[in-house]
């Protein structure tokens, strides 16, 4: 499976997992779902941007920088494990700010781990 397709599958899985996770209290469930949905949007936007410019290191770097910034801002809205999981996702995006396609591909393989952290934080 190519990295962009893998990202799309991971984004869909992240959304589904967020919607089906029992987060305890109703308010916490809403927060968890909201965090997961926003993270999915960021991952999807990043995936689309790097797919459109797969050979342009500057575009990959800019897309990764933007995704890292958005995810850090999102993490700032949440406490505890949800915030920590989002910060980890932001750090993953930040690791490819230089536009290194091999790092982008490596990160793609780790997205499901970030999804697991967010889901785990909600349970």
PDB file of N, CA and C in Angstrom:
ATOM      1  N   UNK A   1       0.860  -1.161   0.000  1.00  0.00           N
ATOM      2  CA  UNK A   1       0.000   0.000   0.000  1.00  0.00           C
ATOM      3  C   UNK A   1       0.907   1.225   0.000  1.00  0.00           C
ATOM      4  N   UNK A   2       0.637   2.175  -0.873  1.00  0.00           N
ATOM      5  CA  UNK A   2       1.462   3.374  -0.940  1.00  0.00           C
ATOM      6  C   UNK A   2       1.222   4.245   0.281  1.00  0.00           C
ATOM      7  N   UNK A   3       2.202   5.076   0.684  1.00  0.00           N
ATOM      8  CA  UNK A   3       2.044   5.902   1.882  1.00  0.00           C
ATOM      9  C   UNK A   3       0.772   6.752   1.882  1.00  0.00           C
ATOM     10  N   UNK A   4       0.399   7.451   0.786  1.00  0.00           N
ATOM     11  CA  UNK A   4      -0.830   8.239   0.845  1.00  0.00           C
ATOM     12  C   UNK A   4      -2.074   7.389   1.101  1.00  0.00           C
ATOM     13  N   UNK A   5      -2.129   6.209   0.495  1.00  0.00           N
ATOM     14  CA  UNK A   5      -3.282   5.331   0.718  1.00  0.00           C
ATOM     15  C   UNK A   5      -3.279   4.820   2.151  1.00  0.00           C
ATOM     16  N   UNK A   6      -2.100   4.510   2.657  1.00  0.00           N
ATOM     17  CA  UNK A   6      -1.991   4.031   4.031  1.00  0.00           C
ATOM     18  C   UNK A   6      -2.454   5.129   4.985  1.00  0.00           C
ATOM     19  N   UNK A   7      -2.084   6.372   4.710  1.00  0.00           N
ATOM     20  CA  UNK A   7      -2.520   7.476   5.565  1.00  0.00           C
ATOM     21  C   UNK A   7      -4.028   7.632   5.544  1.00  0.00           C
ATOM     22  N   UNK A   8      -4.621   7.499   4.375  1.00  0.00           N
ATOM     23  CA  UNK A   8      -6.071   7.613   4.282  1.00  0.00           C
ATOM     24  C   UNK A   8      -6.743   6.521   5.100  1.00  0.00           C
ATOM     25  N   UNK A   9      -6.203   5.318   5.035  1.00  0.00           N
ATOM     26  CA  UNK A   9      -6.766   4.214   5.812  1.00  0.00           C
ATOM     27  C   UNK A   9      -6.599   4.458   7.302  1.00  0.00           C
ATOM     28  N   UNK A  10      -5.436   4.986   7.695  1.00  0.00           N
ATOM     29  CA  UNK A  10      -5.196   5.274   9.106  1.00  0.00           C
ATOM     30  C   UNK A  10      -6.133   6.383   9.584  1.00  0.00           C
ATOM     31  N   UNK A  11      -6.328   7.408   8.760  1.00  0.00           N
ATOM     32  CA  UNK A  11      -7.222   8.503   9.141  1.00  0.00           C
ATOM     33  C   UNK A  11      -8.641   7.989   9.334  1.00  0.00           C
ATOM     34  N   UNK A  12      -9.087   7.118   8.453  1.00  0.00           N
ATOM     35  CA  UNK A  12     -10.430   6.555   8.589  1.00  0.00           C
ATOM     36  C   UNK A  12     -10.529   5.705   9.850  1.00  0.00           C
ATOM     37  N   UNK A  13      -9.492   4.953  10.141  1.00  0.00           N
ATOM     38  CA  UNK A  13      -9.475   4.119  11.345  1.00  0.00           C
ATOM     39  C   UNK A  13      -9.504   4.985  12.595  1.00  0.00           C
ATOM     40  N   UNK A  14      -8.744   6.078  12.580  1.00  0.00           N
ATOM     41  CA  UNK A  14      -8.705   6.991  13.717  1.00  0.00           C
ATOM     42  C   UNK A  14     -10.097   7.559  13.985  1.00  0.00           C
ATOM     43  N   UNK A  15     -10.797   7.951  12.943  1.00  0.00           N
ATOM     44  CA  UNK A  15     -12.140   8.488  13.106  1.00  0.00           C
ATOM     45  C   UNK A  15     -13.080   7.431  13.662  1.00  0.00           C
ATOM     46  N   UNK A  16     -13.035   6.244  13.104  1.00  0.00           N
ATOM     47  CA  UNK A  16     -13.917   5.166  13.559  1.00  0.00           C
ATOM     48  C   UNK A  16     -13.615   4.805  15.004  1.00  0.00           C
ATOM     49  N   UNK A  17     -12.353   4.695  15.339  1.00  0.00           N
ATOM     50  CA  UNK A  17     -11.985   4.340  16.714  1.00  0.00           C
ATOM     51  C   UNK A  17     -12.452   5.407  17.689  1.00  0.00           C
ATOM     52  N   UNK A  18     -12.327   6.656  17.305  1.00  0.00           N
ATOM     53  CA  UNK A  18     -12.749   7.740  18.187  1.00  0.00           C
ATOM     54  C   UNK A  18     -14.249   7.707  18.419  1.00  0.00           C
ATOM     55  N   UNK A  19     -14.983   7.387  17.385  1.00  0.00           N
ATOM     56  CA  UNK A  19     -16.434   7.381  17.515  1.00  0.00           C
ATOM     57  C   UNK A  19     -16.952   6.181  18.291  1.00  0.00           C
ATOM     58  N   UNK A  20     -16.164   5.121  18.352  1.00  0.00           N
ATOM     59  CA  UNK A  20     -16.641   3.924  19.030  1.00  0.00           C
ATOM     60  C   UNK A  20     -16.011   3.719  20.399  1.00  0.00           C
ATOM     61  N   UNK A  21     -15.124   4.623  20.799  1.00  0.00           N
ATOM     62  CA  UNK A  21     -14.453   4.485  22.087  1.00  0.00           C
ATOM     63  C   UNK A  21     -15.358   4.948  23.210  1.00  0.00           C
ATOM     64  N   UNK A  22     -15.483   4.136  24.219  1.00  0.00           N
ATOM     65  CA  UNK A  22     -16.238   4.528  25.406  1.00  0.00           C
ATOM     66  C   UNK A  22     -15.280   5.265  26.328  1.00  0.00           C
ATOM     67  N   UNK A  23     -15.497   6.549  26.498  1.00  0.00           N
ATOM     68  CA  UNK A  23     -14.564   7.375  27.251  1.00  0.00           C
ATOM     69  C   UNK A  23     -15.037   7.645  28.666  1.00  0.00           C
ATOM     70  N   UNK A  24     -15.948   6.889  29.178  1.00  0.00           N
ATOM     71  CA  UNK A  24     -16.404   7.133  30.543  1.00  0.00           C
ATOM     72  C   UNK A  24     -17.511   8.159  30.551  1.00  0.00           C
ATOM     73  N   UNK A  25     -17.264   9.260  31.187  1.00  0.00           N
ATOM     74  CA  UNK A  25     -18.263  10.323  31.297  1.00  0.00           C
ATOM     75  C   UNK A  25     -18.571  10.911  29.927  1.00  0.00           C
ATOM     76  N   UNK A  26     -19.810  11.384  29.771  1.00  0.00           N
ATOM     77  CA  UNK A  26     -20.244  11.927  28.489  1.00  0.00           C
ATOM     78  C   UNK A  26     -19.363  13.082  28.038  1.00  0.00           C
ATOM     79  N   UNK A  27     -19.050  14.002  28.930  1.00  0.00           N
ATOM     80  CA  UNK A  27     -18.216  15.152  28.568  1.00  0.00           C
ATOM     81  C   UNK A  27     -16.848  14.736  28.089  1.00  0.00           C
ATOM     82  N   UNK A  28     -16.267  13.743  28.756  1.00  0.00           N
ATOM     83  CA  UNK A  28     -14.963  13.244  28.348  1.00  0.00           C
ATOM     84  C   UNK A  28     -15.066  12.568  26.981  1.00  0.00           C
ATOM     85  N   UNK A  29     -16.147  11.851  26.738  1.00  0.00           N
ATOM     86  CA  UNK A  29     -16.340  11.198  25.450  1.00  0.00           C
ATOM     87  C   UNK A  29     -16.402  12.230  24.333  1.00  0.00           C
ATOM     88  N   UNK A  30     -17.128  13.320  24.571  1.00  0.00           N
ATOM     89  CA  UNK A  30     -17.215  14.383  23.576  1.00  0.00           C
ATOM     90  C   UNK A  30     -15.831  14.958  23.323  1.00  0.00           C
ATOM     91  N   UNK A  31     -15.071  15.216  24.392  1.00  0.00           N
ATOM     92  CA  UNK A  31     -13.722  15.756  24.242  1.00  0.00           C
ATOM     93  C   UNK A  31     -12.831  14.794  23.468  1.00  0.00           C
ATOM     94  N   UNK A  32     -12.899  13.526  23.787  1.00  0.00           N
ATOM     95  CA  UNK A  32     -12.077  12.530  23.097  1.00  0.00           C
ATOM     96  C   UNK A  32     -12.441  12.458  21.620  1.00  0.00           C
ATOM     97  N   UNK A  33     -13.719  12.410  21.338  1.00  0.00           N
ATOM     98  CA  UNK A  33     -14.158  12.366  19.948  1.00  0.00           C
ATOM     99  C   UNK A  33     -13.738  13.616  19.200  1.00  0.00           C
ATOM    100  N   UNK A  34     -13.885  14.763  19.836  1.00  0.00           N
ATOM    101  CA  UNK A  34     -13.499  16.021  19.209  1.00  0.00           C
ATOM    102  C   UNK A  34     -12.006  16.047  18.918  1.00  0.00           C
ATOM    103  N   UNK A  35     -11.199  15.648  19.888  1.00  0.00           N
ATOM    104  CA  UNK A  35      -9.747  15.626  19.702  1.00  0.00           C
ATOM    105  C   UNK A  35      -9.363  14.683  18.570  1.00  0.00           C
ATOM    106  N   UNK A  36      -9.949  13.495  18.553  1.00  0.00           N
ATOM    107  CA  UNK A  36      -9.630  12.512  17.523  1.00  0.00           C
ATOM    108  C   UNK A  36     -10.072  12.986  16.143  1.00  0.00           C
ATOM    109  N   UNK A  37     -11.238  13.604  16.071  1.00  0.00           N
ATOM    110  CA  UNK A  37     -11.719  14.100  14.780  1.00  0.00           C
ATOM    111  C   UNK A  37     -10.826  15.218  14.261  1.00  0.00           C
ATOM    112  N   UNK A  38     -10.427  16.134  15.137  1.00  0.00           N
ATOM    113  CA  UNK A  38      -9.550  17.217  14.707  1.00  0.00           C
ATOM    114  C   UNK A  38      -8.187  16.675  14.287  1.00  0.00           C
ATOM    115  N   UNK A  39      -7.671  15.690  15.021  1.00  0.00           N
ATOM    116  CA  UNK A  39      -6.392  15.082  14.658  1.00  0.00           C
ATOM    117  C   UNK A  39      -6.500  14.386  13.303  1.00  0.00           C
ATOM    118  N   UNK A  40      -7.614  13.728  13.065  1.00  0.00           N
ATOM    119  CA  UNK A  40      -7.837  13.061  11.784  1.00  0.00           C
ATOM    120  C   UNK A  40      -7.842  14.074  10.646  1.00  0.00           C
ATOM    121  N   UNK A  41      -8.479  15.203  10.867  1.00  0.00           N
ATOM    122  CA  UNK A  41      -8.502  16.257   9.849  1.00  0.00           C
ATOM    123  C   UNK A  41      -7.088  16.735   9.533  1.00  0.00           C
ATOM    124  N   UNK A  42      -6.293  16.938  10.566  1.00  0.00           N
ATOM    125  CA  UNK A  42      -4.911  17.388  10.365  1.00  0.00           C
ATOM    126  C   UNK A  42      -4.117  16.350   9.585  1.00  0.00           C
ATOM    127  N   UNK A  43      -4.244  15.071   9.956  1.00  0.00           N
ATOM    128  CA  UNK A  43      -3.527  13.997   9.258  1.00  0.00           C
ATOM    129  C   UNK A  43      -3.968  13.924   7.806  1.00  0.00           C
ATOM    130  N   UNK A  44      -5.258  14.053   7.556  1.00  0.00           N
ATOM    131  CA  UNK A  44      -5.789  13.989   6.190  1.00  0.00           C
ATOM    132  C   UNK A  44      -5.277  15.150   5.352  1.00  0.00           C
ATOM    133  N   UNK A  45      -5.284  16.359   5.924  1.00  0.00           N
ATOM    134  CA  UNK A  45      -4.769  17.527   5.202  1.00  0.00           C
ATOM    135  C   UNK A  45      -3.291  17.350   4.880  1.00  0.00           C
ATOM    136  N   UNK A  46      -2.526  16.855   5.854  1.00  0.00           N
ATOM    137  CA  UNK A  46      -1.097  16.628   5.650  1.00  0.00           C
ATOM    138  C   UNK A  46      -0.879  15.594   4.550  1.00  0.00           C
ATOM    139  N   UNK A  47      -1.629  14.503   4.623  1.00  0.00           N
ATOM    140  CA  UNK A  47      -1.511  13.439   3.625  1.00  0.00           C
ATOM    141  C   UNK A  47      -1.808  13.957   2.225  1.00  0.00           C
ATOM    142  N   UNK A  48      -2.857  14.753   2.097  1.00  0.00           N
ATOM    143  CA  UNK A  48      -3.215  15.313   0.787  1.00  0.00           C
ATOM    144  C   UNK A  48      -2.111  16.230   0.267  1.00  0.00           C
ATOM    145  N   UNK A  49      -1.570  17.044   1.163  1.00  0.00           N
ATOM    146  CA  UNK A  49      -0.526  17.982   0.757  1.00  0.00           C
ATOM    147  C   UNK A  49       0.738  17.263   0.299  1.00  0.00           C
ATOM    148  N   UNK A  50       1.154  16.234   1.021  1.00  0.00           N
ATOM    149  CA  UNK A  50       2.380  15.552   0.599  1.00  0.00           C
ATOM    150  C   UNK A  50       2.138  14.663  -0.615  1.00  0.00           C
ATOM    151  N   UNK A  51       0.928  14.175  -0.776  1.00  0.00           N
ATOM    152  CA  UNK A  51       0.615  13.372  -1.966  1.00  0.00           C
ATOM    153  C   UNK A  51       0.660  14.236  -3.218  1.00  0.00           C
ATOM    154  N   UNK A  52       0.210  15.469  -3.087  1.00  0.00           N
ATOM    155  CA  UNK A  52       0.187  16.390  -4.226  1.00  0.00           C
ATOM    156  C   UNK A  52       1.596  16.850  -4.601  1.00  0.00           C
ATOM    157  N   UNK A  53       2.513  16.798  -3.652  1.00  0.00           N
ATOM    158  CA  UNK A  53       3.870  17.298  -3.888  1.00  0.00           C
ATOM    159  C   UNK A  53       4.910  16.288  -3.408  1.00  0.00           C
ATOM    160  N   UNK A  54       4.742  15.051  -3.787  1.00  0.00           N
ATOM    161  CA  UNK A  54       5.569  13.965  -3.253  1.00  0.00           C
ATOM    162  C   UNK A  54       7.061  14.122  -3.517  1.00  0.00           C
ATOM    163  N   UNK A  55       7.441  14.882  -4.516  1.00  0.00           N
ATOM    164  CA  UNK A  55       8.860  15.055  -4.817  1.00  0.00           C
ATOM    165  C   UNK A  55       9.376  16.447  -4.453  1.00  0.00           C
ATOM    166  N   UNK A  56       8.525  17.289  -3.919  1.00  0.00           N
ATOM    167  CA  UNK A  56       8.910  18.661  -3.565  1.00  0.00           C
ATOM    168  C   UNK A  56       9.219  18.735  -2.070  1.00  0.00           C
ATOM    169  N   UNK A  57      10.513  18.718  -1.738  1.00  0.00           N
ATOM    170  CA  UNK A  57      10.918  18.715  -0.332  1.00  0.00           C
ATOM    171  C   UNK A  57      10.394  19.940   0.416  1.00  0.00           C
ATOM    172  N   UNK A  58      10.374  21.085  -0.256  1.00  0.00           N
ATOM    173  CA  UNK A  58       9.890  22.304   0.404  1.00  0.00           C
ATOM    174  C   UNK A  58       8.409  22.187   0.755  1.00  0.00           C
ATOM    175  N   UNK A  59       7.626  21.637  -0.165  1.00  0.00           N
ATOM    176  CA  UNK A  59       6.190  21.471   0.085  1.00  0.00           C
ATOM    177  C   UNK A  59       5.946  20.458   1.200  1.00  0.00           C
ATOM    178  N   UNK A  60       6.699  19.379   1.202  1.00  0.00           N
ATOM    179  CA  UNK A  60       6.565  18.374   2.260  1.00  0.00           C
ATOM    180  C   UNK A  60       6.937  18.991   3.604  1.00  0.00           C
ATOM    181  N   UNK A  61       8.031  19.746   3.600  1.00  0.00           N
ATOM    182  CA  UNK A  61       8.468  20.410   4.826  1.00  0.00           C
ATOM    183  C   UNK A  61       7.433  21.396   5.341  1.00  0.00           C
ATOM    184  N   UNK A  62       6.864  22.191   4.445  1.00  0.00           N
ATOM    185  CA  UNK A  62       5.855  23.175   4.852  1.00  0.00           C
ATOM    186  C   UNK A  62       4.584  22.493   5.355  1.00  0.00           C
ATOM    187  N   UNK A  63       4.146  21.435   4.672  1.00  0.00           N
ATOM    188  CA  UNK A  63       2.956  20.700   5.103  1.00  0.00           C
ATOM    189  C   UNK A  63       3.176  20.090   6.483  1.00  0.00           C
ATOM    190  N   UNK A  64       4.374  19.564   6.710  1.00  0.00           N
ATOM    191  CA  UNK A  64       4.688  18.950   8.000  1.00  0.00           C
ATOM    192  C   UNK A  64       4.766  19.993   9.107  1.00  0.00           C
ATOM    193  N   UNK A  65       5.345  21.129   8.794  1.00  0.00           N
ATOM    194  CA  UNK A  65       5.434  22.226   9.768  1.00  0.00           C
ATOM    195  C   UNK A  65       4.036  22.725  10.139  1.00  0.00           C
ATOM    196  N   UNK A  66       3.187  22.892   9.144  1.00  0.00           N
ATOM    197  CA  UNK A  66       1.812  23.340   9.384  1.00  0.00           C
ATOM    198  C   UNK A  66       1.057  22.321  10.234  1.00  0.00           C
ATOM    199  N   UNK A  67       1.205  21.042   9.906  1.00  0.00           N
ATOM    200  CA  UNK A  67       0.525  19.990  10.673  1.00  0.00           C
ATOM    201  C   UNK A  67       1.032  19.956  12.112  1.00  0.00           C
ATOM    202  N   UNK A  68       2.330  20.135  12.301  1.00  0.00           N
ATOM    203  CA  UNK A  68       2.899  20.136  13.657  1.00  0.00           C
ATOM    204  C   UNK A  68       2.327  21.302  14.464  1.00  0.00           C
ATOM    205  N   UNK A  69       2.257  22.470  13.852  1.00  0.00           N
ATOM    206  CA  UNK A  69       1.727  23.652  14.534  1.00  0.00           C
ATOM    207  C   UNK A  69       0.266  23.464  14.909  1.00  0.00           C
ATOM    208  N   UNK A  70      -0.535  22.982  13.955  1.00  0.00           N
ATOM    209  CA  UNK A  70      -1.961  22.762  14.222  1.00  0.00           C
ATOM    210  C   UNK A  70      -2.162  21.726  15.337  1.00  0.00           C
ATOM    211  N   UNK A  71      -1.354  20.673  15.312  1.00  0.00           N
ATOM    212  CA  UNK A  71      -1.506  19.617  16.310  1.00  0.00           C
ATOM    213  C   UNK A  71      -1.068  20.097  17.686  1.00  0.00           C
ATOM    214  N   UNK A  72      -0.015  20.910  17.753  1.00  0.00           N
ATOM    215  CA  UNK A  72       0.424  21.484  19.035  1.00  0.00           C
ATOM    216  C   UNK A  72      -0.671  22.390  19.603  1.00  0.00           C
ATOM    217  N   UNK A  73      -1.289  23.204  18.738  1.00  0.00           N
ATOM    218  CA  UNK A  73      -2.389  24.068  19.176  1.00  0.00           C
ATOM    219  C   UNK A  73      -3.546  23.226  19.700  1.00  0.00           C
ATOM    220  N   UNK A  74      -3.859  22.150  19.002  1.00  0.00           N
ATOM    221  CA  UNK A  74      -4.924  21.252  19.442  1.00  0.00           C
ATOM    222  C   UNK A  74      -4.570  20.620  20.782  1.00  0.00           C
ATOM    223  N   UNK A  75      -3.342  20.182  20.940  1.00  0.00           N
ATOM    224  CA  UNK A  75      -2.901  19.562  22.196  1.00  0.00           C
ATOM    225  C   UNK A  75      -3.044  20.520  23.365  1.00  0.00           C
ATOM    226  N   UNK A  76      -2.868  21.802  23.112  1.00  0.00           N
ATOM    227  CA  UNK A  76      -2.998  22.804  24.159  1.00  0.00           C
ATOM    228  C   UNK A  76      -4.404  22.913  24.724  1.00  0.00           C
ATOM    229  N   UNK A  77      -5.378  22.377  24.020  1.00  0.00           N
ATOM    230  CA  UNK A  77      -6.767  22.419  24.469  1.00  0.00           C
ATOM    231  C   UNK A  77      -7.124  21.256  25.397  1.00  0.00           C
ATOM    232  N   UNK A  78      -6.237  20.267  25.502  1.00  0.00           N
ATOM    233  CA  UNK A  78      -6.547  19.056  26.241  1.00  0.00           C
ATOM    234  C   UNK A  78      -5.507  18.785  27.312  1.00  0.00           C
ATOM    235  N   UNK A  79      -5.972  18.214  28.417  1.00  0.00           N
ATOM    236  CA  UNK A  79      -5.094  17.864  29.522  1.00  0.00           C
ATOM    237  C   UNK A  79      -4.740  16.388  29.464  1.00  0.00           C
ATOM    238  N   UNK A  80      -3.842  16.006  30.327  1.00  0.00           N
ATOM    239  CA  UNK A  80      -3.546  14.600  30.570  1.00  0.00           C
ATOM    240  C   UNK A  80      -3.090  13.833  29.362  1.00  0.00           C
ATOM    241  N   UNK A  81      -3.559  12.601  29.306  1.00  0.00           N
ATOM    242  CA  UNK A  81      -3.095  11.676  28.277  1.00  0.00           C
ATOM    243  C   UNK A  81      -3.505  12.080  26.859  1.00  0.00           C
ATOM    244  N   UNK A  82      -4.684  12.709  26.717  1.00  0.00           N
ATOM    245  CA  UNK A  82      -5.107  13.146  25.383  1.00  0.00           C
ATOM    246  C   UNK A  82      -4.148  14.217  24.879  1.00  0.00           C
ATOM    247  N   UNK A  83      -3.842  15.192  25.730  1.00  0.00           N
ATOM    248  CA  UNK A  83      -2.896  16.238  25.356  1.00  0.00           C
ATOM    249  C   UNK A  83      -1.520  15.666  25.042  1.00  0.00           C
ATOM    250  N   UNK A  84      -1.078  14.713  25.860  1.00  0.00           N
ATOM    251  CA  UNK A  84       0.229  14.089  25.644  1.00  0.00           C
ATOM    252  C   UNK A  84       0.268  13.318  24.323  1.00  0.00           C
ATOM    253  N   UNK A  85      -0.802  12.599  24.021  1.00  0.00           N
ATOM    254  CA  UNK A  85      -0.861  11.845  22.769  1.00  0.00           C
ATOM    255  C   UNK A  85      -0.832  12.793  21.564  1.00  0.00           C
ATOM    256  N   UNK A  86      -1.545  13.908  21.670  1.00  0.00           N
ATOM    257  CA  UNK A  86      -1.540  14.886  20.588  1.00  0.00           C
ATOM    258  C   UNK A  86      -0.175  15.542  20.441  1.00  0.00           C
ATOM    259  N   UNK A  87       0.491  15.801  21.565  1.00  0.00           N
ATOM    260  CA  UNK A  87       1.844  16.352  21.498  1.00  0.00           C
ATOM    261  C   UNK A  87       2.799  15.376  20.825  1.00  0.00           C
ATOM    262  N   UNK A  88       2.630  14.089  21.087  1.00  0.00           N
ATOM    263  CA  UNK A  88       3.457  13.081  20.419  1.00  0.00           C
ATOM    264  C   UNK A  88       3.221  13.100  18.906  1.00  0.00           C
ATOM    265  N   UNK A  89       1.966  13.247  18.504  1.00  0.00           N
ATOM    266  CA  UNK A  89       1.646  13.338  17.084  1.00  0.00           C
ATOM    267  C   UNK A  89       2.294  14.582  16.484  1.00  0.00           C
ATOM    268  N   UNK A  90       2.216  15.701  17.194  1.00  0.00           N
ATOM    269  CA  UNK A  90       2.841  16.944  16.719  1.00  0.00           C
ATOM    270  C   UNK A  90       4.349  16.770  16.561  1.00  0.00           C
ATOM    271  N   UNK A  91       4.975  16.096  17.509  1.00  0.00           N
ATOM    272  CA  UNK A  91       6.414  15.841  17.425  1.00  0.00           C
ATOM    273  C   UNK A  91       6.748  14.979  16.209  1.00  0.00           C
ATOM    274  N   UNK A  92       5.854  14.053  15.890  1.00  0.00           N
ATOM    275  CA  UNK A  92       6.055  13.225  14.690  1.00  0.00           C
ATOM    276  C   UNK A  92       6.044  14.068  13.433  1.00  0.00           C
ATOM    277  N   UNK A  93       5.085  14.984  13.332  1.00  0.00           N
ATOM    278  CA  UNK A  93       5.057  15.894  12.189  1.00  0.00           C
ATOM    279  C   UNK A  93       6.314  16.763  12.161  1.00  0.00           C
ATOM    280  N   UNK A  94       6.708  17.273  13.320  1.00  0.00           N
ATOM    281  CA  UNK A  94       7.871  18.156  13.406  1.00  0.00           C
ATOM    282  C   UNK A  94       9.150  17.444  12.964  1.00  0.00           C
ATOM    283  N   UNK A  95       9.198  16.141  13.133  1.00  0.00           N
ATOM    284  CA  UNK A  95      10.399  15.397  12.766  1.00  0.00           C
ATOM    285  C   UNK A  95      10.647  15.388  11.261  1.00  0.00           C
ATOM    286  N   UNK A  96       9.643  15.758  10.464  1.00  0.00           N
ATOM    287  CA  UNK A  96       9.812  15.770   9.002  1.00  0.00           C
ATOM    288  C   UNK A  96       9.691  17.162   8.413  1.00  0.00           C
ATOM    289  N   UNK A  97       9.883  18.188   9.240  1.00  0.00           N
ATOM    290  CA  UNK A  97       9.796  19.561   8.736  1.00  0.00           C
ATOM    291  C   UNK A  97      10.792  19.845   7.626  1.00  0.00           C
ATOM    292  N   UNK A  98      11.913  19.161   7.597  1.00  0.00           N
ATOM    293  CA  UNK A  98      12.911  19.387   6.558  1.00  0.00           C
ATOM    294  C   UNK A  98      12.493  18.881   5.188  1.00  0.00           C
ATOM    295  N   UNK A  99      11.378  18.189   5.126  1.00  0.00           N
ATOM    296  CA  UNK A  99      10.879  17.704   3.849  1.00  0.00           C
ATOM    297  C   UNK A  99      11.480  16.390   3.396  1.00  0.00           C
ATOM    298  N   UNK A 100      12.059  15.651   4.311  1.00  0.00           N
ATOM    299  CA  UNK A 100      12.682  14.371   3.984  1.00  0.00           C
ATOM    300  C   UNK A 100      11.593  13.328   3.715  1.00  0.00           C
ATOM    301  N   UNK A 101      11.527  12.884   2.468  1.00  0.00           N
ATOM    302  CA  UNK A 101      10.482  11.929   2.081  1.00  0.00           C
ATOM    303  C   UNK A 101      10.616  10.608   2.820  1.00  0.00           C
ATOM    304  N   UNK A 102      11.824  10.182   3.133  1.00  0.00           N
ATOM    305  CA  UNK A 102      11.979   8.925   3.866  1.00  0.00           C
ATOM    306  C   UNK A 102      11.428   9.064   5.281  1.00  0.00           C
ATOM    307  N   UNK A 103      11.604  10.247   5.889  1.00  0.00           N
ATOM    308  CA  UNK A 103      11.036  10.476   7.217  1.00  0.00           C
ATOM    309  C   UNK A 103       9.512  10.531   7.139  1.00  0.00           C
ATOM    310  N   UNK A 104       8.989  11.114   6.059  1.00  0.00           N
ATOM    311  CA  UNK A 104       7.540  11.173   5.873  1.00  0.00           C
ATOM    312  C   UNK A 104       6.973   9.759   5.746  1.00  0.00           C
ATOM    313  N   UNK A 105       7.667   8.923   4.992  1.00  0.00           N
ATOM    314  CA  UNK A 105       7.226   7.547   4.820  1.00  0.00           C
ATOM    315  C   UNK A 105       7.307   6.785   6.141  1.00  0.00           C
ATOM    316  N   UNK A 106       8.383   6.995   6.887  1.00  0.00           N
ATOM    317  CA  UNK A 106       8.538   6.358   8.198  1.00  0.00           C
ATOM    318  C   UNK A 106       7.433   6.806   9.152  1.00  0.00           C
ATOM    319  N   UNK A 107       7.123   8.096   9.126  1.00  0.00           N
ATOM    320  CA  UNK A 107       6.072   8.641   9.975  1.00  0.00           C
ATOM    321  C   UNK A 107       4.727   8.015   9.632  1.00  0.00           C
ATOM    322  N   UNK A 108       4.482   7.792   8.357  1.00  0.00           N
ATOM    323  CA  UNK A 108       3.229   7.173   7.919  1.00  0.00           C
ATOM    324  C   UNK A 108       3.012   5.846   8.630  1.00  0.00           C
ATOM    325  N   UNK A 109       4.089   5.095   8.788  1.00  0.00           N
ATOM    326  CA  UNK A 109       3.989   3.807   9.471  1.00  0.00           C
ATOM    327  C   UNK A 109       3.714   3.930  10.957  1.00  0.00           C
ATOM    328  N   UNK A 110       3.978   5.099  11.523  1.00  0.00           N
ATOM    329  CA  UNK A 110       3.794   5.307  12.957  1.00  0.00           C
ATOM    330  C   UNK A 110       2.454   5.954  13.307  1.00  0.00           C
ATOM    331  N   UNK A 111       1.718   6.417  12.313  1.00  0.00           N
ATOM    332  CA  UNK A 111       0.459   7.122  12.578  1.00  0.00           C
ATOM    333  C   UNK A 111      -0.510   6.252  13.357  1.00  0.00           C
ATOM    334  N   UNK A 112      -0.568   4.966  13.064  1.00  0.00           N
ATOM    335  CA  UNK A 112      -1.502   4.100  13.795  1.00  0.00           C
ATOM    336  C   UNK A 112      -1.127   4.019  15.268  1.00  0.00           C
ATOM    337  N   UNK A 113       0.154   4.129  15.590  1.00  0.00           N
ATOM    338  CA  UNK A 113       0.578   4.159  16.990  1.00  0.00           C
ATOM    339  C   UNK A 113       0.073   5.400  17.703  1.00  0.00           C
ATOM    340  N   UNK A 114       0.088   6.525  17.005  1.00  0.00           N
ATOM    341  CA  UNK A 114      -0.452   7.754  17.588  1.00  0.00           C
ATOM    342  C   UNK A 114      -1.957   7.621  17.793  1.00  0.00           C
ATOM    343  N   UNK A 115      -2.616   6.966  16.827  1.00  0.00           N
ATOM    344  CA  UNK A 115      -4.057   6.717  16.941  1.00  0.00           C
ATOM    345  C   UNK A 115      -4.336   5.891  18.179  1.00  0.00           C
ATOM    346  N   UNK A 116      -3.536   4.872  18.400  1.00  0.00           N
ATOM    347  CA  UNK A 116      -3.717   4.018  19.581  1.00  0.00           C
ATOM    348  C   UNK A 116      -3.544   4.802  20.868  1.00  0.00           C
ATOM    349  N   UNK A 117      -2.587   5.710  20.891  1.00  0.00           N
ATOM    350  CA  UNK A 117      -2.368   6.536  22.093  1.00  0.00           C
ATOM    351  C   UNK A 117      -3.579   7.413  22.383  1.00  0.00           C
ATOM    352  N   UNK A 118      -4.145   8.008  21.353  1.00  0.00           N
ATOM    353  CA  UNK A 118      -5.316   8.872  21.547  1.00  0.00           C
ATOM    354  C   UNK A 118      -6.491   8.046  22.027  1.00  0.00           C
ATOM    355  N   UNK A 119      -6.723   6.888  21.407  1.00  0.00           N
ATOM    356  CA  UNK A 119      -7.830   6.022  21.817  1.00  0.00           C
ATOM    357  C   UNK A 119      -7.601   5.534  23.248  1.00  0.00           C
ATOM    358  N   UNK A 120      -6.395   5.141  23.561  1.00  0.00           N
ATOM    359  CA  UNK A 120      -6.076   4.682  24.911  1.00  0.00           C
ATOM    360  C   UNK A 120      -6.302   5.780  25.944  1.00  0.00           C
ATOM    361  N   UNK A 121      -5.956   6.999  25.598  1.00  0.00           N
ATOM    362  CA  UNK A 121      -6.155   8.126  26.506  1.00  0.00           C
ATOM    363  C   UNK A 121      -7.633   8.376  26.773  1.00  0.00           C
ATOM    364  N   UNK A 122      -8.464   7.954  25.869  1.00  0.00           N
ATOM    365  CA  UNK A 122      -9.907   8.167  26.019  1.00  0.00           C
ATOM    366  C   UNK A 122     -10.594   7.054  26.782  1.00  0.00           C
ATOM    367  N   UNK A 123      -9.898   5.981  27.065  1.00  0.00           N
ATOM    368  CA  UNK A 123     -10.584   4.863  27.727  1.00  0.00           C
ATOM    369  C   UNK A 123     -10.326   4.853  29.220  1.00  0.00           C
TER     370      UNK A 123
END
